[in-house]
Amino acid sequence: MHLAIDSEPLFDVPLDHLGERLAELLLDLDGTARGIFLALVHGSGEPQILDRLRETHEKVLIAPLRDRLRGPDADLRARLAASMSGGLLYGLWVARDEGLLRTDRKELITRYGALLQEVLTPRA
């Protein structure tokens, strides 16, 4: 099984637009990614699957973000944004939150992107 968010799209935007770009990438994930995500989440009680879930979380979400960020807290900011990203996928794909599913795509990108941006932006 393979799930990937291509890191290239994360490098082609200024840091102050990274949150919206990440939200857009998450909403653009295809059915294959959804199936893998759901299989990993549903099987996370099994040690081998949990290990795979952790590995996927690190490689697919955290590493590409950390590579894009700078500063002493880049790892923490990447981990927070990755966790928030997983939360969005959980809401859409696992809980099937009707309110989120009904929300206009552009609105979701703007609002969730702003939340992601808050944790991606270094504190002054």
PDB file of N, CA and C in Angstrom:
ATOM      1  N   MET A   1       0.842  -1.183   0.000  1.00  0.00           N
ATOM      2  CA  MET A   1       0.000   0.000   0.000  1.00  0.00           C
ATOM      3  C   MET A   1       0.883   1.241   0.000  1.00  0.00           C
ATOM      4  N   HIS A   2       0.440   2.243  -0.723  1.00  0.00           N
ATOM      5  CA  HIS A   2       1.215   3.467  -0.819  1.00  0.00           C
ATOM      6  C   HIS A   2       0.273   4.665  -0.765  1.00  0.00           C
ATOM      7  N   LEU A   3       0.571   5.600   0.100  1.00  0.00           N
ATOM      8  CA  LEU A   3      -0.182   6.843   0.219  1.00  0.00           C
ATOM      9  C   LEU A   3       0.837   7.957   0.172  1.00  0.00           C
ATOM     10  N   ALA A   4       0.609   8.955  -0.655  1.00  0.00           N
ATOM     11  CA  ALA A   4       1.606  10.011  -0.758  1.00  0.00           C
ATOM     12  C   ALA A   4       0.977  11.354  -1.065  1.00  0.00           C
ATOM     13  N   ILE A   5       1.503  12.356  -0.408  1.00  0.00           N
ATOM     14  CA  ILE A   5       1.250  13.738  -0.786  1.00  0.00           C
ATOM     15  C   ILE A   5       2.562  14.195  -1.383  1.00  0.00           C
ATOM     16  N   ASP A   6       2.550  14.477  -2.668  1.00  0.00           N
ATOM     17  CA  ASP A   6       3.757  14.897  -3.370  1.00  0.00           C
ATOM     18  C   ASP A   6       4.287  16.170  -2.728  1.00  0.00           C
ATOM     19  N   SER A   7       5.543  16.173  -2.331  1.00  0.00           N
ATOM     20  CA  SER A   7       6.100  17.347  -1.664  1.00  0.00           C
ATOM     21  C   SER A   7       6.330  18.506  -2.621  1.00  0.00           C
ATOM     22  N   GLU A   8       6.427  18.236  -3.917  1.00  0.00           N
ATOM     23  CA  GLU A   8       6.664  19.317  -4.884  1.00  0.00           C
ATOM     24  C   GLU A   8       5.662  20.464  -4.762  1.00  0.00           C
ATOM     25  N   PRO A   9       4.356  20.182  -4.700  1.00  0.00           N
ATOM     26  CA  PRO A   9       3.410  21.293  -4.584  1.00  0.00           C
ATOM     27  C   PRO A   9       3.581  22.118  -3.302  1.00  0.00           C
ATOM     28  N   LEU A  10       4.251  21.552  -2.320  1.00  0.00           N
ATOM     29  CA  LEU A  10       4.478  22.300  -1.085  1.00  0.00           C
ATOM     30  C   LEU A  10       5.626  23.294  -1.231  1.00  0.00           C
ATOM     31  N   PHE A  11       6.457  23.121  -2.246  1.00  0.00           N
ATOM     32  CA  PHE A  11       7.598  24.011  -2.439  1.00  0.00           C
ATOM     33  C   PHE A  11       7.307  25.145  -3.403  1.00  0.00           C
ATOM     34  N   ASP A  12       6.206  25.059  -4.143  1.00  0.00           N
ATOM     35  CA  ASP A  12       5.947  26.061  -5.171  1.00  0.00           C
ATOM     36  C   ASP A  12       5.099  27.232  -4.700  1.00  0.00           C
ATOM     37  N   VAL A  13       4.860  27.339  -3.393  1.00  0.00           N
ATOM     38  CA  VAL A  13       4.090  28.459  -2.862  1.00  0.00           C
ATOM     39  C   VAL A  13       4.874  29.147  -1.748  1.00  0.00           C
ATOM     40  N   PRO A  14       4.658  30.441  -1.567  1.00  0.00           N
ATOM     41  CA  PRO A  14       5.305  31.119  -0.440  1.00  0.00           C
ATOM     42  C   PRO A  14       4.809  30.536   0.885  1.00  0.00           C
ATOM     43  N   LEU A  15       5.634  30.600   1.898  1.00  0.00           N
ATOM     44  CA  LEU A  15       5.288  30.039   3.204  1.00  0.00           C
ATOM     45  C   LEU A  15       3.958  30.572   3.718  1.00  0.00           C
ATOM     46  N   ASP A  16       3.637  31.839   3.453  1.00  0.00           N
ATOM     47  CA  ASP A  16       2.397  32.401   3.980  1.00  0.00           C
ATOM     48  C   ASP A  16       1.144  31.891   3.255  1.00  0.00           C
ATOM     49  N   HIS A  17       1.302  31.051   2.243  1.00  0.00           N
ATOM     50  CA  HIS A  17       0.169  30.415   1.561  1.00  0.00           C
ATOM     51  C   HIS A  17       0.206  28.890   1.679  1.00  0.00           C
ATOM     52  N   LEU A  18       1.139  28.391   2.465  1.00  0.00           N
ATOM     53  CA  LEU A  18       1.319  26.950   2.590  1.00  0.00           C
ATOM     54  C   LEU A  18       0.107  26.258   3.211  1.00  0.00           C
ATOM     55  N   GLY A  19      -0.550  26.901   4.165  1.00  0.00           N
ATOM     56  CA  GLY A  19      -1.716  26.296   4.810  1.00  0.00           C
ATOM     57  C   GLY A  19      -2.833  26.015   3.823  1.00  0.00           C
ATOM     58  N   GLU A  20      -3.148  27.000   2.989  1.00  0.00           N
ATOM     59  CA  GLU A  20      -4.204  26.794   1.992  1.00  0.00           C
ATOM     60  C   GLU A  20      -3.796  25.744   0.968  1.00  0.00           C
ATOM     61  N   ARG A  21      -2.533  25.763   0.564  1.00  0.00           N
ATOM     62  CA  ARG A  21      -2.069  24.778  -0.424  1.00  0.00           C
ATOM     63  C   ARG A  21      -2.174  23.365   0.138  1.00  0.00           C
ATOM     64  N   LEU A  22      -1.818  23.200   1.406  1.00  0.00           N
ATOM     65  CA  LEU A  22      -1.911  21.883   2.029  1.00  0.00           C
ATOM     66  C   LEU A  22      -3.367  21.440   2.127  1.00  0.00           C
ATOM     67  N   ALA A  23      -4.248  22.342   2.523  1.00  0.00           N
ATOM     68  CA  ALA A  23      -5.674  22.008   2.595  1.00  0.00           C
ATOM     69  C   ALA A  23      -6.185  21.575   1.222  1.00  0.00           C
ATOM     70  N   GLU A  24      -5.754  22.281   0.188  1.00  0.00           N
ATOM     71  CA  GLU A  24      -6.160  21.931  -1.174  1.00  0.00           C
ATOM     72  C   GLU A  24      -5.646  20.546  -1.570  1.00  0.00           C
ATOM     73  N   LEU A  25      -4.394  20.253  -1.246  1.00  0.00           N
ATOM     74  CA  LEU A  25      -3.833  18.937  -1.557  1.00  0.00           C
ATOM     75  C   LEU A  25      -4.609  17.824  -0.855  1.00  0.00           C
ATOM     76  N   LEU A  26      -4.983  18.068   0.401  1.00  0.00           N
ATOM     77  CA  LEU A  26      -5.736  17.061   1.149  1.00  0.00           C
ATOM     78  C   LEU A  26      -7.086  16.798   0.510  1.00  0.00           C
ATOM     79  N   LEU A  27      -7.760  17.853   0.093  1.00  0.00           N
ATOM     80  CA  LEU A  27      -9.073  17.682  -0.527  1.00  0.00           C
ATOM     81  C   LEU A  27      -8.991  17.048  -1.908  1.00  0.00           C
ATOM     82  N   ASP A  28      -7.815  17.133  -2.536  1.00  0.00           N
ATOM     83  CA  ASP A  28      -7.623  16.546  -3.862  1.00  0.00           C
ATOM     84  C   ASP A  28      -7.162  15.090  -3.832  1.00  0.00           C
ATOM     85  N   LEU A  29      -6.915  14.535  -2.650  1.00  0.00           N
ATOM     86  CA  LEU A  29      -6.490  13.137  -2.578  1.00  0.00           C
ATOM     87  C   LEU A  29      -7.555  12.258  -3.218  1.00  0.00           C
ATOM     88  N   ASP A  30      -7.109  11.232  -3.927  1.00  0.00           N
ATOM     89  CA  ASP A  30      -8.042  10.401  -4.676  1.00  0.00           C
ATOM     90  C   ASP A  30      -8.559   9.217  -3.865  1.00  0.00           C
ATOM     91  N   GLY A  31      -9.388   8.420  -4.509  1.00  0.00           N
ATOM     92  CA  GLY A  31     -10.005   7.267  -3.867  1.00  0.00           C
ATOM     93  C   GLY A  31      -9.021   6.250  -3.349  1.00  0.00           C
ATOM     94  N   THR A  32      -7.888   6.097  -4.031  1.00  0.00           N
ATOM     95  CA  THR A  32      -6.868   5.150  -3.578  1.00  0.00           C
ATOM     96  C   THR A  32      -6.316   5.583  -2.223  1.00  0.00           C
ATOM     97  N   ALA A  33      -5.988   6.870  -2.094  1.00  0.00           N
ATOM     98  CA  ALA A  33      -5.476   7.392  -0.828  1.00  0.00           C
ATOM     99  C   ALA A  33      -6.515   7.221   0.276  1.00  0.00           C
ATOM    100  N   ARG A  34      -7.764   7.470  -0.064  1.00  0.00           N
ATOM    101  CA  ARG A  34      -8.842   7.317   0.916  1.00  0.00           C
ATOM    102  C   ARG A  34      -8.918   5.875   1.400  1.00  0.00           C
ATOM    103  N   GLY A  35      -8.870   4.919   0.481  1.00  0.00           N
ATOM    104  CA  GLY A  35      -8.936   3.512   0.854  1.00  0.00           C
ATOM    105  C   GLY A  35      -7.785   3.096   1.759  1.00  0.00           C
ATOM    106  N   ILE A  36      -6.604   3.565   1.438  1.00  0.00           N
ATOM    107  CA  ILE A  36      -5.435   3.233   2.258  1.00  0.00           C
ATOM    108  C   ILE A  36      -5.555   3.860   3.635  1.00  0.00           C
ATOM    109  N   PHE A  37      -5.929   5.142   3.672  1.00  0.00           N
ATOM    110  CA  PHE A  37      -6.094   5.841   4.949  1.00  0.00           C
ATOM    111  C   PHE A  37      -7.102   5.102   5.830  1.00  0.00           C
ATOM    112  N   LEU A  38      -8.255   4.752   5.265  1.00  0.00           N
ATOM    113  CA  LEU A  38      -9.295   4.079   6.034  1.00  0.00           C
ATOM    114  C   LEU A  38      -8.831   2.705   6.515  1.00  0.00           C
ATOM    115  N   ALA A  39      -8.119   1.968   5.662  1.00  0.00           N
ATOM    116  CA  ALA A  39      -7.615   0.656   6.064  1.00  0.00           C
ATOM    117  C   ALA A  39      -6.635   0.783   7.228  1.00  0.00           C
ATOM    118  N   LEU A  40      -5.761   1.776   7.156  1.00  0.00           N
ATOM    119  CA  LEU A  40      -4.790   1.976   8.230  1.00  0.00           C
ATOM    120  C   LEU A  40      -5.473   2.386   9.532  1.00  0.00           C
ATOM    121  N   VAL A  41      -6.431   3.292   9.438  1.00  0.00           N
ATOM    122  CA  VAL A  41      -7.137   3.743  10.640  1.00  0.00           C
ATOM    123  C   VAL A  41      -7.932   2.589  11.256  1.00  0.00           C
ATOM    124  N   HIS A  42      -8.664   1.868  10.440  1.00  0.00           N
ATOM    125  CA  HIS A  42      -9.500   0.786  10.950  1.00  0.00           C
ATOM    126  C   HIS A  42      -8.672  -0.357  11.532  1.00  0.00           C
ATOM    127  N   GLY A  43      -7.492  -0.570  11.011  1.00  0.00           N
ATOM    128  CA  GLY A  43      -6.649  -1.649  11.510  1.00  0.00           C
ATOM    129  C   GLY A  43      -5.625  -1.206  12.537  1.00  0.00           C
ATOM    130  N   SER A  44      -5.722   0.023  13.012  1.00  0.00           N
ATOM    131  CA  SER A  44      -4.669   0.576  13.877  1.00  0.00           C
ATOM    132  C   SER A  44      -4.534  -0.124  15.224  1.00  0.00           C
ATOM    133  N   GLY A  45      -5.466  -1.000  15.569  1.00  0.00           N
ATOM    134  CA  GLY A  45      -5.338  -1.768  16.803  1.00  0.00           C
ATOM    135  C   GLY A  45      -4.337  -2.909  16.685  1.00  0.00           C
ATOM    136  N   GLU A  46      -3.981  -3.253  15.466  1.00  0.00           N
ATOM    137  CA  GLU A  46      -2.998  -4.309  15.236  1.00  0.00           C
ATOM    138  C   GLU A  46      -1.595  -3.699  15.227  1.00  0.00           C
ATOM    139  N   PRO A  47      -0.655  -4.261  15.971  1.00  0.00           N
ATOM    140  CA  PRO A  47       0.688  -3.671  16.067  1.00  0.00           C
ATOM    141  C   PRO A  47       1.369  -3.405  14.725  1.00  0.00           C
ATOM    142  N   GLN A  48       1.289  -4.332  13.787  1.00  0.00           N
ATOM    143  CA  GLN A  48       1.953  -4.137  12.494  1.00  0.00           C
ATOM    144  C   GLN A  48       1.305  -3.005  11.704  1.00  0.00           C
ATOM    145  N   ILE A  49       0.011  -2.916  11.771  1.00  0.00           N
ATOM    146  CA  ILE A  49      -0.693  -1.853  11.050  1.00  0.00           C
ATOM    147  C   ILE A  49      -0.441  -0.512  11.729  1.00  0.00           C
ATOM    148  N   LEU A  50      -0.397  -0.511  13.055  1.00  0.00           N
ATOM    149  CA  LEU A  50      -0.085   0.724  13.775  1.00  0.00           C
ATOM    150  C   LEU A  50       1.307   1.218  13.397  1.00  0.00           C
ATOM    151  N   ASP A  51       2.263   0.305  13.292  1.00  0.00           N
ATOM    152  CA  ASP A  51       3.608   0.694  12.855  1.00  0.00           C
ATOM    153  C   ASP A  51       3.560   1.317  11.471  1.00  0.00           C
ATOM    154  N   ARG A  52       2.781   0.737  10.576  1.00  0.00           N
ATOM    155  CA  ARG A  52       2.656   1.275   9.220  1.00  0.00           C
ATOM    156  C   ARG A  52       1.982   2.654   9.233  1.00  0.00           C
ATOM    157  N   LEU A  53       0.983   2.819  10.089  1.00  0.00           N
ATOM    158  CA  LEU A  53       0.302   4.100  10.222  1.00  0.00           C
ATOM    159  C   LEU A  53       1.269   5.176  10.708  1.00  0.00           C
ATOM    160  N   ARG A  54       2.067   4.852  11.702  1.00  0.00           N
ATOM    161  CA  ARG A  54       3.078   5.800  12.202  1.00  0.00           C
ATOM    162  C   ARG A  54       4.098   6.147  11.121  1.00  0.00           C
ATOM    163  N   GLU A  55       4.555   5.137  10.410  1.00  0.00           N
ATOM    164  CA  GLU A  55       5.525   5.350   9.332  1.00  0.00           C
ATOM    165  C   GLU A  55       4.937   6.238   8.234  1.00  0.00           C
ATOM    166  N   THR A  56       3.706   5.973   7.865  1.00  0.00           N
ATOM    167  CA  THR A  56       3.036   6.764   6.834  1.00  0.00           C
ATOM    168  C   THR A  56       2.858   8.201   7.301  1.00  0.00           C
ATOM    169  N   HIS A  57       2.437   8.385   8.528  1.00  0.00           N
ATOM    170  CA  HIS A  57       2.257   9.723   9.104  1.00  0.00           C
ATOM    171  C   HIS A  57       3.567  10.509   9.041  1.00  0.00           C
ATOM    172  N   GLU A  58       4.652   9.843   9.387  1.00  0.00           N
ATOM    173  CA  GLU A  58       5.969  10.499   9.392  1.00  0.00           C
ATOM    174  C   GLU A  58       6.435  10.831   7.976  1.00  0.00           C
ATOM    175  N   LYS A  59       6.372   9.859   7.073  1.00  0.00           N
ATOM    176  CA  LYS A  59       6.918  10.037   5.719  1.00  0.00           C
ATOM    177  C   LYS A  59       6.037  10.898   4.820  1.00  0.00           C
ATOM    178  N   VAL A  60       4.731  10.720   4.925  1.00  0.00           N
ATOM    179  CA  VAL A  60       3.815  11.358   3.985  1.00  0.00           C
ATOM    180  C   VAL A  60       3.427  12.766   4.424  1.00  0.00           C
ATOM    181  N   LEU A  61       3.260  12.959   5.707  1.00  0.00           N
ATOM    182  CA  LEU A  61       2.806  14.260   6.182  1.00  0.00           C
ATOM    183  C   LEU A  61       3.903  15.088   6.844  1.00  0.00           C
ATOM    184  N   ILE A  62       4.555  14.520   7.837  1.00  0.00           N
ATOM    185  CA  ILE A  62       5.505  15.314   8.621  1.00  0.00           C
ATOM    186  C   ILE A  62       6.758  15.685   7.824  1.00  0.00           C
ATOM    187  N   ALA A  63       7.412  14.713   7.213  1.00  0.00           N
ATOM    188  CA  ALA A  63       8.689  14.972   6.527  1.00  0.00           C
ATOM    189  C   ALA A  63       8.597  16.037   5.438  1.00  0.00           C
ATOM    190  N   PRO A  64       7.606  15.976   4.517  1.00  0.00           N
ATOM    191  CA  PRO A  64       7.541  17.016   3.488  1.00  0.00           C
ATOM    192  C   PRO A  64       7.315  18.410   4.071  1.00  0.00           C
ATOM    193  N   LEU A  65       6.530  18.490   5.141  1.00  0.00           N
ATOM    194  CA  LEU A  65       6.303  19.792   5.765  1.00  0.00           C
ATOM    195  C   LEU A  65       7.562  20.291   6.467  1.00  0.00           C
ATOM    196  N   ARG A  66       8.203  19.411   7.211  1.00  0.00           N
ATOM    197  CA  ARG A  66       9.426  19.795   7.929  1.00  0.00           C
ATOM    198  C   ARG A  66      10.497  20.272   6.949  1.00  0.00           C
ATOM    199  N   ASP A  67      10.569  19.627   5.786  1.00  0.00           N
ATOM    200  CA  ASP A  67      11.546  20.035   4.766  1.00  0.00           C
ATOM    201  C   ASP A  67      11.276  21.442   4.264  1.00  0.00           C
ATOM    202  N   ARG A  68      10.043  21.873   4.330  1.00  0.00           N
ATOM    203  CA  ARG A  68       9.649  23.189   3.811  1.00  0.00           C
ATOM    204  C   ARG A  68       9.814  24.294   4.854  1.00  0.00           C
ATOM    205  N   LEU A  69       9.815  23.933   6.125  1.00  0.00           N
ATOM    206  CA  LEU A  69       9.838  24.920   7.205  1.00  0.00           C
ATOM    207  C   LEU A  69      11.241  25.204   7.702  1.00  0.00           C
ATOM    208  N   ARG A  70      11.409  26.347   8.306  1.00  0.00           N
ATOM    209  CA  ARG A  70      12.689  26.739   8.919  1.00  0.00           C
ATOM    210  C   ARG A  70      12.438  27.160  10.359  1.00  0.00           C
ATOM    211  N   GLY A  71      13.504  27.177  11.141  1.00  0.00           N
ATOM    212  CA  GLY A  71      13.407  27.628  12.522  1.00  0.00           C
ATOM    213  C   GLY A  71      13.558  26.489  13.498  1.00  0.00           C
ATOM    214  N   PRO A  72      13.828  26.838  14.751  1.00  0.00           N
ATOM    215  CA  PRO A  72      14.090  25.811  15.765  1.00  0.00           C
ATOM    216  C   PRO A  72      12.876  24.945  16.085  1.00  0.00           C
ATOM    217  N   ASP A  73      11.673  25.435  15.812  1.00  0.00           N
ATOM    218  CA  ASP A  73      10.471  24.653  16.106  1.00  0.00           C
ATOM    219  C   ASP A  73       9.824  24.078  14.852  1.00  0.00           C
ATOM    220  N   ALA A  74      10.594  23.949  13.772  1.00  0.00           N
ATOM    221  CA  ALA A  74      10.053  23.453  12.498  1.00  0.00           C
ATOM    222  C   ALA A  74       9.460  22.049  12.647  1.00  0.00           C
ATOM    223  N   ASP A  75      10.113  21.203  13.406  1.00  0.00           N
ATOM    224  CA  ASP A  75       9.606  19.832  13.584  1.00  0.00           C
ATOM    225  C   ASP A  75       8.250  19.853  14.284  1.00  0.00           C
ATOM    226  N   LEU A  76       8.124  20.629  15.334  1.00  0.00           N
ATOM    227  CA  LEU A  76       6.855  20.717  16.061  1.00  0.00           C
ATOM    228  C   LEU A  76       5.761  21.281  15.163  1.00  0.00           C
ATOM    229  N   ARG A  77       6.053  22.331  14.422  1.00  0.00           N
ATOM    230  CA  ARG A  77       5.056  22.925  13.533  1.00  0.00           C
ATOM    231  C   ARG A  77       4.623  21.929  12.457  1.00  0.00           C
ATOM    232  N   ALA A  78       5.567  21.161  11.932  1.00  0.00           N
ATOM    233  CA  ALA A  78       5.234  20.142  10.939  1.00  0.00           C
ATOM    234  C   ALA A  78       4.338  19.060  11.551  1.00  0.00           C
ATOM    235  N   ARG A  79       4.646  18.655  12.762  1.00  0.00           N
ATOM    236  CA  ARG A  79       3.846  17.625  13.434  1.00  0.00           C
ATOM    237  C   ARG A  79       2.435  18.119  13.748  1.00  0.00           C
ATOM    238  N   LEU A  80       2.319  19.363  14.176  1.00  0.00           N
ATOM    239  CA  LEU A  80       0.994  19.923  14.442  1.00  0.00           C
ATOM    240  C   LEU A  80       0.164  19.999  13.155  1.00  0.00           C
ATOM    241  N   ALA A  81       0.769  20.474  12.079  1.00  0.00           N
ATOM    242  CA  ALA A  81       0.057  20.585  10.801  1.00  0.00           C
ATOM    243  C   ALA A  81      -0.309  19.198  10.265  1.00  0.00           C
ATOM    244  N   ALA A  82       0.583  18.227  10.422  1.00  0.00           N
ATOM    245  CA  ALA A  82       0.292  16.857   9.972  1.00  0.00           C
ATOM    246  C   ALA A  82      -0.879  16.270  10.764  1.00  0.00           C
ATOM    247  N   SER A  83      -0.899  16.513  12.057  1.00  0.00           N
ATOM    248  CA  SER A  83      -1.998  16.017  12.885  1.00  0.00           C
ATOM    249  C   SER A  83      -3.313  16.673  12.499  1.00  0.00           C
ATOM    250  N   MET A  84      -3.272  17.967  12.231  1.00  0.00           N
ATOM    251  CA  MET A  84      -4.477  18.659  11.782  1.00  0.00           C
ATOM    252  C   MET A  84      -4.940  18.124  10.426  1.00  0.00           C
ATOM    253  N   SER A  85      -3.995  17.805   9.567  1.00  0.00           N
ATOM    254  CA  SER A  85      -4.329  17.246   8.254  1.00  0.00           C
ATOM    255  C   SER A  85      -5.040  15.913   8.407  1.00  0.00           C
ATOM    256  N   GLY A  86      -4.500  15.072   9.271  1.00  0.00           N
ATOM    257  CA  GLY A  86      -5.147  13.790   9.548  1.00  0.00           C
ATOM    258  C   GLY A  86      -6.537  13.976  10.134  1.00  0.00           C
ATOM    259  N   GLY A  87      -6.700  15.018  10.930  1.00  0.00           N
ATOM    260  CA  GLY A  87      -8.007  15.317  11.507  1.00  0.00           C
ATOM    261  C   GLY A  87      -9.040  15.667  10.446  1.00  0.00           C
ATOM    262  N   LEU A  88      -8.617  16.429   9.436  1.00  0.00           N
ATOM    263  CA  LEU A  88      -9.524  16.766   8.347  1.00  0.00           C
ATOM    264  C   LEU A  88      -9.931  15.508   7.587  1.00  0.00           C
ATOM    265  N   LEU A  89      -8.959  14.662   7.283  1.00  0.00           N
ATOM    266  CA  LEU A  89      -9.269  13.416   6.573  1.00  0.00           C
ATOM    267  C   LEU A  89     -10.185  12.531   7.414  1.00  0.00           C
ATOM    268  N   TYR A  90      -9.945  12.487   8.711  1.00  0.00           N
ATOM    269  CA  TYR A  90     -10.806  11.708   9.604  1.00  0.00           C
ATOM    270  C   TYR A  90     -12.244  12.238   9.552  1.00  0.00           C
ATOM    271  N   GLY A  91     -12.390  13.554   9.653  1.00  0.00           N
ATOM    272  CA  GLY A  91     -13.722  14.148   9.624  1.00  0.00           C
ATOM    273  C   GLY A  91     -14.462  13.860   8.331  1.00  0.00           C
ATOM    274  N   LEU A  92     -13.731  13.929   7.219  1.00  0.00           N
ATOM    275  CA  LEU A  92     -14.352  13.710   5.912  1.00  0.00           C
ATOM    276  C   LEU A  92     -14.571  12.235   5.611  1.00  0.00           C
ATOM    277  N   TRP A  93     -13.585  11.415   5.905  1.00  0.00           N
ATOM    278  CA  TRP A  93     -13.601  10.031   5.428  1.00  0.00           C
ATOM    279  C   TRP A  93     -14.050   9.005   6.462  1.00  0.00           C
ATOM    280  N   VAL A  94     -13.788   9.234   7.739  1.00  0.00           N
ATOM    281  CA  VAL A  94     -14.157   8.251   8.760  1.00  0.00           C
ATOM    282  C   VAL A  94     -15.498   8.633   9.378  1.00  0.00           C
ATOM    283  N   ALA A  95     -15.562   9.845   9.939  1.00  0.00           N
ATOM    284  CA  ALA A  95     -16.801  10.290  10.574  1.00  0.00           C
ATOM    285  C   ALA A  95     -17.851  10.704   9.544  1.00  0.00           C
ATOM    286  N   ARG A  96     -17.396  11.005   8.330  1.00  0.00           N
ATOM    287  CA  ARG A  96     -18.283  11.477   7.257  1.00  0.00           C
ATOM    288  C   ARG A  96     -19.170  12.620   7.750  1.00  0.00           C
ATOM    289  N   ASP A  97     -18.499  13.607   8.316  1.00  0.00           N
ATOM    290  CA  ASP A  97     -19.157  14.783   8.877  1.00  0.00           C
ATOM    291  C   ASP A  97     -19.963  15.499   7.793  1.00  0.00           C
ATOM    292  N   GLU A  98     -21.287  15.443   7.919  1.00  0.00           N
ATOM    293  CA  GLU A  98     -22.178  16.015   6.899  1.00  0.00           C
ATOM    294  C   GLU A  98     -21.962  17.516   6.726  1.00  0.00           C
ATOM    295  N   GLY A  99     -21.692  18.220   7.817  1.00  0.00           N
ATOM    296  CA  GLY A  99     -21.447  19.655   7.722  1.00  0.00           C
ATOM    297  C   GLY A  99     -20.217  19.960   6.890  1.00  0.00           C
ATOM    298  N   LEU A 100     -19.146  19.197   7.099  1.00  0.00           N
ATOM    299  CA  LEU A 100     -17.932  19.385   6.297  1.00  0.00           C
ATOM    300  C   LEU A 100     -18.168  18.965   4.850  1.00  0.00           C
ATOM    301  N   LEU A 101     -18.844  17.848   4.661  1.00  0.00           N
ATOM    302  CA  LEU A 101     -19.089  17.347   3.312  1.00  0.00           C
ATOM    303  C   LEU A 101     -19.955  18.299   2.485  1.00  0.00           C
ATOM    304  N   ARG A 102     -20.830  19.037   3.148  1.00  0.00           N
ATOM    305  CA  ARG A 102     -21.692  19.999   2.455  1.00  0.00           C
ATOM    306  C   ARG A 102     -21.000  21.337   2.206  1.00  0.00           C
ATOM    307  N   THR A 103     -19.911  21.583   2.909  1.00  0.00           N
ATOM    308  CA  THR A 103     -19.232  22.877   2.802  1.00  0.00           C
ATOM    309  C   THR A 103     -18.597  23.037   1.427  1.00  0.00           C
ATOM    310  N   ASP A 104     -18.756  24.217   0.867  1.00  0.00           N
ATOM    311  CA  ASP A 104     -18.138  24.544  -0.414  1.00  0.00           C
ATOM    312  C   ASP A 104     -16.633  24.295  -0.330  1.00  0.00           C
ATOM    313  N   ARG A 105     -16.090  23.670  -1.347  1.00  0.00           N
ATOM    314  CA  ARG A 105     -14.675  23.298  -1.381  1.00  0.00           C
ATOM    315  C   ARG A 105     -13.767  24.506  -1.131  1.00  0.00           C
ATOM    316  N   LYS A 106     -14.032  25.615  -1.811  1.00  0.00           N
ATOM    317  CA  LYS A 106     -13.207  26.815  -1.658  1.00  0.00           C
ATOM    318  C   LYS A 106     -13.265  27.350  -0.223  1.00  0.00           C
ATOM    319  N   GLU A 107     -14.451  27.308   0.357  1.00  0.00           N
ATOM    320  CA  GLU A 107     -14.621  27.753   1.744  1.00  0.00           C
ATOM    321  C   GLU A 107     -13.823  26.862   2.694  1.00  0.00           C
ATOM    322  N   LEU A 108     -13.881  25.565   2.467  1.00  0.00           N
ATOM    323  CA  LEU A 108     -13.140  24.618   3.304  1.00  0.00           C
ATOM    324  C   LEU A 108     -11.641  24.854   3.184  1.00  0.00           C
ATOM    325  N   ILE A 109     -11.166  25.065   1.968  1.00  0.00           N
ATOM    326  CA  ILE A 109      -9.743  25.336   1.758  1.00  0.00           C
ATOM    327  C   ILE A 109      -9.333  26.621   2.467  1.00  0.00           C
ATOM    328  N   THR A 110     -10.139  27.655   2.343  1.00  0.00           N
ATOM    329  CA  THR A 110      -9.812  28.941   2.966  1.00  0.00           C
ATOM    330  C   THR A 110      -9.784  28.831   4.487  1.00  0.00           C
ATOM    331  N   ARG A 111     -10.822  28.245   5.056  1.00  0.00           N
ATOM    332  CA  ARG A 111     -10.914  28.185   6.520  1.00  0.00           C
ATOM    333  C   ARG A 111      -9.921  27.196   7.137  1.00  0.00           C
ATOM    334  N   TYR A 112      -9.850  25.988   6.572  1.00  0.00           N
ATOM    335  CA  TYR A 112      -8.918  25.005   7.134  1.00  0.00           C
ATOM    336  C   TYR A 112      -7.483  25.418   6.837  1.00  0.00           C
ATOM    337  N   GLY A 113      -7.290  26.033   5.674  1.00  0.00           N
ATOM    338  CA  GLY A 113      -5.966  26.540   5.329  1.00  0.00           C
ATOM    339  C   GLY A 113      -5.484  27.575   6.334  1.00  0.00           C
ATOM    340  N   ALA A 114      -6.398  28.427   6.803  1.00  0.00           N
ATOM    341  CA  ALA A 114      -6.031  29.442   7.804  1.00  0.00           C
ATOM    342  C   ALA A 114      -5.622  28.783   9.123  1.00  0.00           C
ATOM    343  N   LEU A 115      -6.328  27.728   9.500  1.00  0.00           N
ATOM    344  CA  LEU A 115      -5.954  27.003  10.728  1.00  0.00           C
ATOM    345  C   LEU A 115      -4.571  26.363  10.587  1.00  0.00           C
ATOM    346  N   LEU A 116      -4.344  25.733   9.441  1.00  0.00           N
ATOM    347  CA  LEU A 116      -3.034  25.122   9.181  1.00  0.00           C
ATOM    348  C   LEU A 116      -1.947  26.194   9.172  1.00  0.00           C
ATOM    349  N   GLN A 117      -2.248  27.316   8.551  1.00  0.00           N
ATOM    350  CA  GLN A 117      -1.265  28.391   8.458  1.00  0.00           C
ATOM    351  C   GLN A 117      -0.831  28.885   9.829  1.00  0.00           C
ATOM    352  N   GLU A 118      -1.773  28.905  10.754  1.00  0.00           N
ATOM    353  CA  GLU A 118      -1.477  29.361  12.120  1.00  0.00           C
ATOM    354  C   GLU A 118      -0.360  28.526  12.750  1.00  0.00           C
ATOM    355  N   VAL A 119      -0.401  27.215  12.552  1.00  0.00           N
ATOM    356  CA  VAL A 119       0.647  26.377  13.163  1.00  0.00           C
ATOM    357  C   VAL A 119       1.900  26.305  12.289  1.00  0.00           C
ATOM    358  N   LEU A 120       1.767  26.558  11.002  1.00  0.00           N
ATOM    359  CA  LEU A 120       2.939  26.512  10.102  1.00  0.00           C
ATOM    360  C   LEU A 120       3.809  27.768  10.218  1.00  0.00           C
ATOM    361  N   THR A 121       3.211  28.873  10.583  1.00  0.00           N
ATOM    362  CA  THR A 121       3.934  30.146  10.654  1.00  0.00           C
ATOM    363  C   THR A 121       4.746  30.209  11.940  1.00  0.00           C
ATOM    364  N   PRO A 122       6.048  30.511  11.827  1.00  0.00           N
ATOM    365  CA  PRO A 122       6.868  30.612  13.038  1.00  0.00           C
ATOM    366  C   PRO A 122       6.408  31.787  13.906  1.00  0.00           C
ATOM    367  N   ARG A 123       6.516  31.615  15.186  1.00  0.00           N
ATOM    368  CA  ARG A 123       6.185  32.698  16.123  1.00  0.00           C
ATOM    369  C   ARG A 123       7.332  33.701  16.139  1.00  0.00           C
ATOM    370  N   ALA A 124       6.954  34.940  16.222  1.00  0.00           N
ATOM    371  CA  ALA A 124       7.967  36.017  16.221  1.00  0.00           C
ATOM    372  C   ALA A 124       8.706  36.093  17.538  1.00  0.00           C
TER     373      ALA A 124
END
